[in-house]
Amino acid sequence: MYDDLMEKDPKMIRIRAESEAKGEAKGEAKGETKGRTQELRMTIVAFVQVRFPTLVELANQKVKHVSTPDELRHLFQQLLHAADEDVARSLLT
């Protein structure tokens, strides 16, 4: 009886709908962040493959341990400005 009232109460229906919407939004945001993170990881490794091919394995290891898109963007910017392989190696270790 109590459950039936809770399910039919307009206020409870609205609260449940809002809660579900918030949960879906959080899930979508996490998915987008994960996608951006993976894309940046692939971009960094591809860049290193072209510019510093001997450091590809090091780049793979480094990007696996970086968890946020902001950190990956920063690393990519630093690699873009790396003057030589020694500088790139120091960024990846």
N, C-alpha and C. Protein backbone atom coordinates (compact mmCIF):
# COMPACT_ATOMS: atom_id res chain seq x y z
N MET A 1 0.82 -1.19 0.00
CA MET A 1 0.00 0.00 0.00
C MET A 1 0.87 1.26 0.00
N TYR A 2 1.85 1.29 0.89
CA TYR A 2 2.75 2.43 0.95
C TYR A 2 3.53 2.58 -0.35
N ASP A 3 4.01 1.45 -0.89
CA ASP A 3 4.76 1.46 -2.15
C ASP A 3 3.89 1.99 -3.29
N ASP A 4 2.63 1.59 -3.28
CA ASP A 4 1.71 2.02 -4.32
C ASP A 4 1.51 3.53 -4.27
N LEU A 5 1.39 4.08 -3.07
CA LEU A 5 1.23 5.53 -2.91
C LEU A 5 2.50 6.26 -3.37
N MET A 6 3.66 5.70 -3.03
CA MET A 6 4.93 6.33 -3.40
C MET A 6 5.10 6.35 -4.92
N GLU A 7 4.66 5.30 -5.57
CA GLU A 7 4.82 5.21 -7.02
C GLU A 7 3.85 6.11 -7.77
N LYS A 8 2.72 6.41 -7.18
CA LYS A 8 1.70 7.20 -7.86
C LYS A 8 1.73 8.68 -7.48
N ASP A 9 2.44 9.01 -6.42
CA ASP A 9 2.50 10.39 -5.96
C ASP A 9 3.25 11.25 -7.00
N PRO A 10 2.61 12.33 -7.48
CA PRO A 10 3.25 13.18 -8.50
C PRO A 10 4.61 13.73 -8.08
N LYS A 11 4.72 14.09 -6.82
CA LYS A 11 6.00 14.63 -6.33
C LYS A 11 7.08 13.56 -6.39
N MET A 12 6.75 12.34 -6.00
CA MET A 12 7.72 11.25 -6.03
C MET A 12 8.08 10.89 -7.47
N ILE A 13 7.12 10.94 -8.36
CA ILE A 13 7.38 10.66 -9.77
C ILE A 13 8.37 11.69 -10.32
N ARG A 14 8.15 12.96 -9.99
CA ARG A 14 9.04 14.02 -10.45
C ARG A 14 10.45 13.84 -9.87
N ILE A 15 10.55 13.53 -8.59
CA ILE A 15 11.85 13.34 -7.94
C ILE A 15 12.60 12.18 -8.59
N ARG A 16 11.90 11.08 -8.83
CA ARG A 16 12.52 9.92 -9.48
C ARG A 16 13.01 10.27 -10.88
N ALA A 17 12.19 11.02 -11.62
CA ALA A 17 12.56 11.41 -12.99
C ALA A 17 13.80 12.31 -12.98
N GLU A 18 13.84 13.25 -12.04
CA GLU A 18 15.00 14.13 -11.94
C GLU A 18 16.25 13.35 -11.57
N SER A 19 16.09 12.41 -10.66
CA SER A 19 17.22 11.59 -10.24
C SER A 19 17.76 10.75 -11.40
N GLU A 20 16.86 10.16 -12.17
CA GLU A 20 17.26 9.37 -13.32
C GLU A 20 17.96 10.24 -14.36
N ALA A 21 17.44 11.44 -14.58
CA ALA A 21 18.05 12.34 -15.56
C ALA A 21 19.46 12.74 -15.13
N LYS A 22 19.64 13.01 -13.83
CA LYS A 22 20.97 13.35 -13.33
C LYS A 22 21.93 12.18 -13.50
N GLY A 23 21.45 10.99 -13.21
CA GLY A 23 22.29 9.79 -13.37
C GLY A 23 22.70 9.58 -14.81
N GLU A 24 21.77 9.77 -15.73
CA GLU A 24 22.08 9.63 -17.15
C GLU A 24 23.09 10.68 -17.60
N ALA A 25 22.93 11.91 -17.13
CA ALA A 25 23.85 12.99 -17.50
C ALA A 25 25.26 12.69 -16.99
N LYS A 26 25.35 12.19 -15.76
CA LYS A 26 26.66 11.85 -15.20
C LYS A 26 27.30 10.73 -16.01
N GLY A 27 26.52 9.74 -16.39
CA GLY A 27 27.03 8.64 -17.19
C GLY A 27 27.52 9.11 -18.55
N GLU A 28 26.77 9.99 -19.18
CA GLU A 28 27.18 10.53 -20.48
C GLU A 28 28.47 11.34 -20.35
N ALA A 29 28.57 12.14 -19.31
CA ALA A 29 29.77 12.95 -19.10
C ALA A 29 30.99 12.07 -18.89
N LYS A 30 30.83 11.00 -18.10
CA LYS A 30 31.94 10.07 -17.88
C LYS A 30 32.34 9.42 -19.20
N GLY A 31 31.37 9.04 -19.99
CA GLY A 31 31.66 8.42 -21.28
C GLY A 31 32.39 9.36 -22.22
N GLU A 32 31.97 10.62 -22.24
CA GLU A 32 32.63 11.62 -23.08
C GLU A 32 34.07 11.85 -22.63
N THR A 33 34.28 11.93 -21.33
CA THR A 33 35.63 12.13 -20.80
C THR A 33 36.51 10.94 -21.12
N LYS A 34 35.97 9.75 -20.97
CA LYS A 34 36.73 8.55 -21.28
C LYS A 34 37.10 8.52 -22.76
N GLY A 35 36.17 8.91 -23.61
CA GLY A 35 36.43 8.96 -25.04
C GLY A 35 37.50 9.98 -25.40
N ARG A 36 37.43 11.15 -24.79
CA ARG A 36 38.44 12.18 -25.04
C ARG A 36 39.81 11.72 -24.55
N THR A 37 39.83 11.08 -23.40
CA THR A 37 41.09 10.59 -22.84
C THR A 37 41.72 9.57 -23.79
N GLN A 38 40.92 8.64 -24.27
CA GLN A 38 41.43 7.62 -25.18
C GLN A 38 41.92 8.24 -26.49
N GLU A 39 41.18 9.20 -27.00
CA GLU A 39 41.56 9.87 -28.25
C GLU A 39 42.90 10.61 -28.08
N LEU A 40 43.06 11.30 -26.97
CA LEU A 40 44.32 12.01 -26.71
C LEU A 40 45.49 11.04 -26.56
N ARG A 41 45.25 9.92 -25.90
CA ARG A 41 46.30 8.90 -25.76
C ARG A 41 46.77 8.43 -27.14
N MET A 42 45.81 8.14 -28.01
CA MET A 42 46.14 7.67 -29.35
C MET A 42 46.87 8.76 -30.15
N THR A 43 46.46 10.00 -29.98
CA THR A 43 47.10 11.11 -30.68
C THR A 43 48.55 11.27 -30.25
N ILE A 44 48.80 11.19 -28.96
CA ILE A 44 50.16 11.32 -28.45
C ILE A 44 51.05 10.21 -28.98
N VAL A 45 50.56 8.99 -28.92
CA VAL A 45 51.36 7.86 -29.40
C VAL A 45 51.62 7.99 -30.91
N ALA A 46 50.61 8.41 -31.66
CA ALA A 46 50.79 8.59 -33.11
C ALA A 46 51.82 9.69 -33.40
N PHE A 47 51.76 10.75 -32.65
CA PHE A 47 52.73 11.85 -32.82
C PHE A 47 54.15 11.36 -32.54
N VAL A 48 54.30 10.65 -31.43
CA VAL A 48 55.62 10.13 -31.06
C VAL A 48 56.10 9.15 -32.13
N GLN A 49 55.20 8.35 -32.66
CA GLN A 49 55.55 7.39 -33.72
C GLN A 49 56.18 8.10 -34.92
N VAL A 50 55.65 9.25 -35.27
CA VAL A 50 56.15 10.00 -36.42
C VAL A 50 57.43 10.77 -36.07
N ARG A 51 57.43 11.44 -34.96
CA ARG A 51 58.54 12.36 -34.63
C ARG A 51 59.69 11.69 -33.89
N PHE A 52 59.37 10.76 -32.99
CA PHE A 52 60.39 10.08 -32.19
C PHE A 52 60.11 8.57 -32.15
N PRO A 53 60.25 7.88 -33.27
CA PRO A 53 59.83 6.47 -33.36
C PRO A 53 60.47 5.54 -32.33
N THR A 54 61.65 5.86 -31.88
CA THR A 54 62.29 4.99 -30.89
C THR A 54 61.66 5.11 -29.50
N LEU A 55 60.78 6.09 -29.32
CA LEU A 55 60.17 6.32 -28.00
C LEU A 55 58.71 5.86 -27.91
N VAL A 56 58.26 5.12 -28.91
CA VAL A 56 56.84 4.73 -28.94
C VAL A 56 56.45 3.90 -27.72
N GLU A 57 57.26 2.93 -27.35
CA GLU A 57 56.92 2.10 -26.20
C GLU A 57 56.87 2.94 -24.92
N LEU A 58 57.80 3.86 -24.79
CA LEU A 58 57.81 4.76 -23.63
C LEU A 58 56.54 5.62 -23.62
N ALA A 59 56.13 6.09 -24.79
CA ALA A 59 54.91 6.90 -24.90
C ALA A 59 53.69 6.07 -24.50
N ASN A 60 53.62 4.83 -24.96
CA ASN A 60 52.50 3.96 -24.59
C ASN A 60 52.42 3.78 -23.08
N GLN A 61 53.55 3.56 -22.46
CA GLN A 61 53.58 3.38 -21.01
C GLN A 61 53.14 4.65 -20.29
N LYS A 62 53.63 5.80 -20.77
CA LYS A 62 53.31 7.08 -20.12
C LYS A 62 51.82 7.38 -20.20
N VAL A 63 51.23 7.26 -21.39
CA VAL A 63 49.82 7.65 -21.53
C VAL A 63 48.88 6.72 -20.76
N LYS A 64 49.30 5.49 -20.51
CA LYS A 64 48.48 4.58 -19.71
C LYS A 64 48.33 5.07 -18.27
N HIS A 65 49.33 5.81 -17.81
CA HIS A 65 49.34 6.26 -16.42
C HIS A 65 48.81 7.68 -16.23
N VAL A 66 48.46 8.33 -17.31
CA VAL A 66 47.88 9.68 -17.23
C VAL A 66 46.37 9.52 -17.37
N SER A 67 45.63 10.05 -16.41
CA SER A 67 44.20 9.73 -16.36
C SER A 67 43.24 10.84 -16.79
N THR A 68 43.71 12.06 -16.93
CA THR A 68 42.77 13.12 -17.28
C THR A 68 43.10 13.75 -18.63
N PRO A 69 42.08 14.19 -19.35
CA PRO A 69 42.32 14.86 -20.63
C PRO A 69 43.22 16.09 -20.49
N ASP A 70 43.08 16.84 -19.42
CA ASP A 70 43.91 18.04 -19.22
C ASP A 70 45.39 17.68 -19.11
N GLU A 71 45.70 16.64 -18.36
CA GLU A 71 47.09 16.21 -18.23
C GLU A 71 47.64 15.72 -19.57
N LEU A 72 46.81 15.00 -20.31
CA LEU A 72 47.24 14.51 -21.62
C LEU A 72 47.46 15.66 -22.60
N ARG A 73 46.57 16.65 -22.57
CA ARG A 73 46.74 17.82 -23.44
C ARG A 73 48.06 18.54 -23.13
N HIS A 74 48.33 18.67 -21.84
CA HIS A 74 49.56 19.33 -21.41
C HIS A 74 50.79 18.55 -21.91
N LEU A 75 50.76 17.24 -21.75
CA LEU A 75 51.86 16.40 -22.22
C LEU A 75 52.03 16.55 -23.73
N PHE A 76 50.93 16.54 -24.46
CA PHE A 76 51.00 16.67 -25.91
C PHE A 76 51.62 18.01 -26.31
N GLN A 77 51.21 19.07 -25.66
CA GLN A 77 51.78 20.39 -25.95
C GLN A 77 53.28 20.42 -25.69
N GLN A 78 53.69 19.80 -24.61
CA GLN A 78 55.12 19.74 -24.30
C GLN A 78 55.88 18.95 -25.37
N LEU A 79 55.29 17.83 -25.79
CA LEU A 79 55.94 17.02 -26.82
C LEU A 79 56.03 17.76 -28.15
N LEU A 80 55.01 18.55 -28.45
CA LEU A 80 55.04 19.34 -29.70
C LEU A 80 56.23 20.28 -29.73
N HIS A 81 56.62 20.78 -28.56
CA HIS A 81 57.70 21.75 -28.47
C HIS A 81 59.05 21.12 -28.13
N ALA A 82 59.08 19.79 -28.00
CA ALA A 82 60.33 19.12 -27.67
C ALA A 82 61.34 19.32 -28.80
N ALA A 83 62.49 19.85 -28.45
CA ALA A 83 63.51 20.17 -29.45
C ALA A 83 64.17 18.92 -30.03
N ASP A 84 64.28 17.89 -29.22
CA ASP A 84 64.94 16.67 -29.70
C ASP A 84 64.44 15.46 -28.91
N GLU A 85 65.00 14.31 -29.27
CA GLU A 85 64.56 13.06 -28.65
C GLU A 85 64.87 13.01 -27.16
N ASP A 86 65.96 13.61 -26.76
CA ASP A 86 66.32 13.61 -25.32
C ASP A 86 65.27 14.37 -24.51
N VAL A 87 64.81 15.48 -25.02
CA VAL A 87 63.77 16.26 -24.33
C VAL A 87 62.47 15.44 -24.28
N ALA A 88 62.12 14.83 -25.39
CA ALA A 88 60.90 14.01 -25.44
C ALA A 88 61.00 12.85 -24.46
N ARG A 89 62.16 12.21 -24.41
CA ARG A 89 62.36 11.09 -23.49
C ARG A 89 62.16 11.56 -22.04
N SER A 90 62.68 12.72 -21.71
CA SER A 90 62.54 13.21 -20.34
C SER A 90 61.07 13.50 -20.00
N LEU A 91 60.30 13.93 -21.00
CA LEU A 91 58.87 14.17 -20.77
C LEU A 91 58.09 12.87 -20.58
N LEU A 92 58.57 11.81 -21.19
CA LEU A 92 57.86 10.53 -21.16
C LEU A 92 58.30 9.63 -20.01
N THR A 93 59.30 10.05 -19.26
CA THR A 93 59.75 9.22 -18.13
C THR A 93 59.31 9.81 -16.82
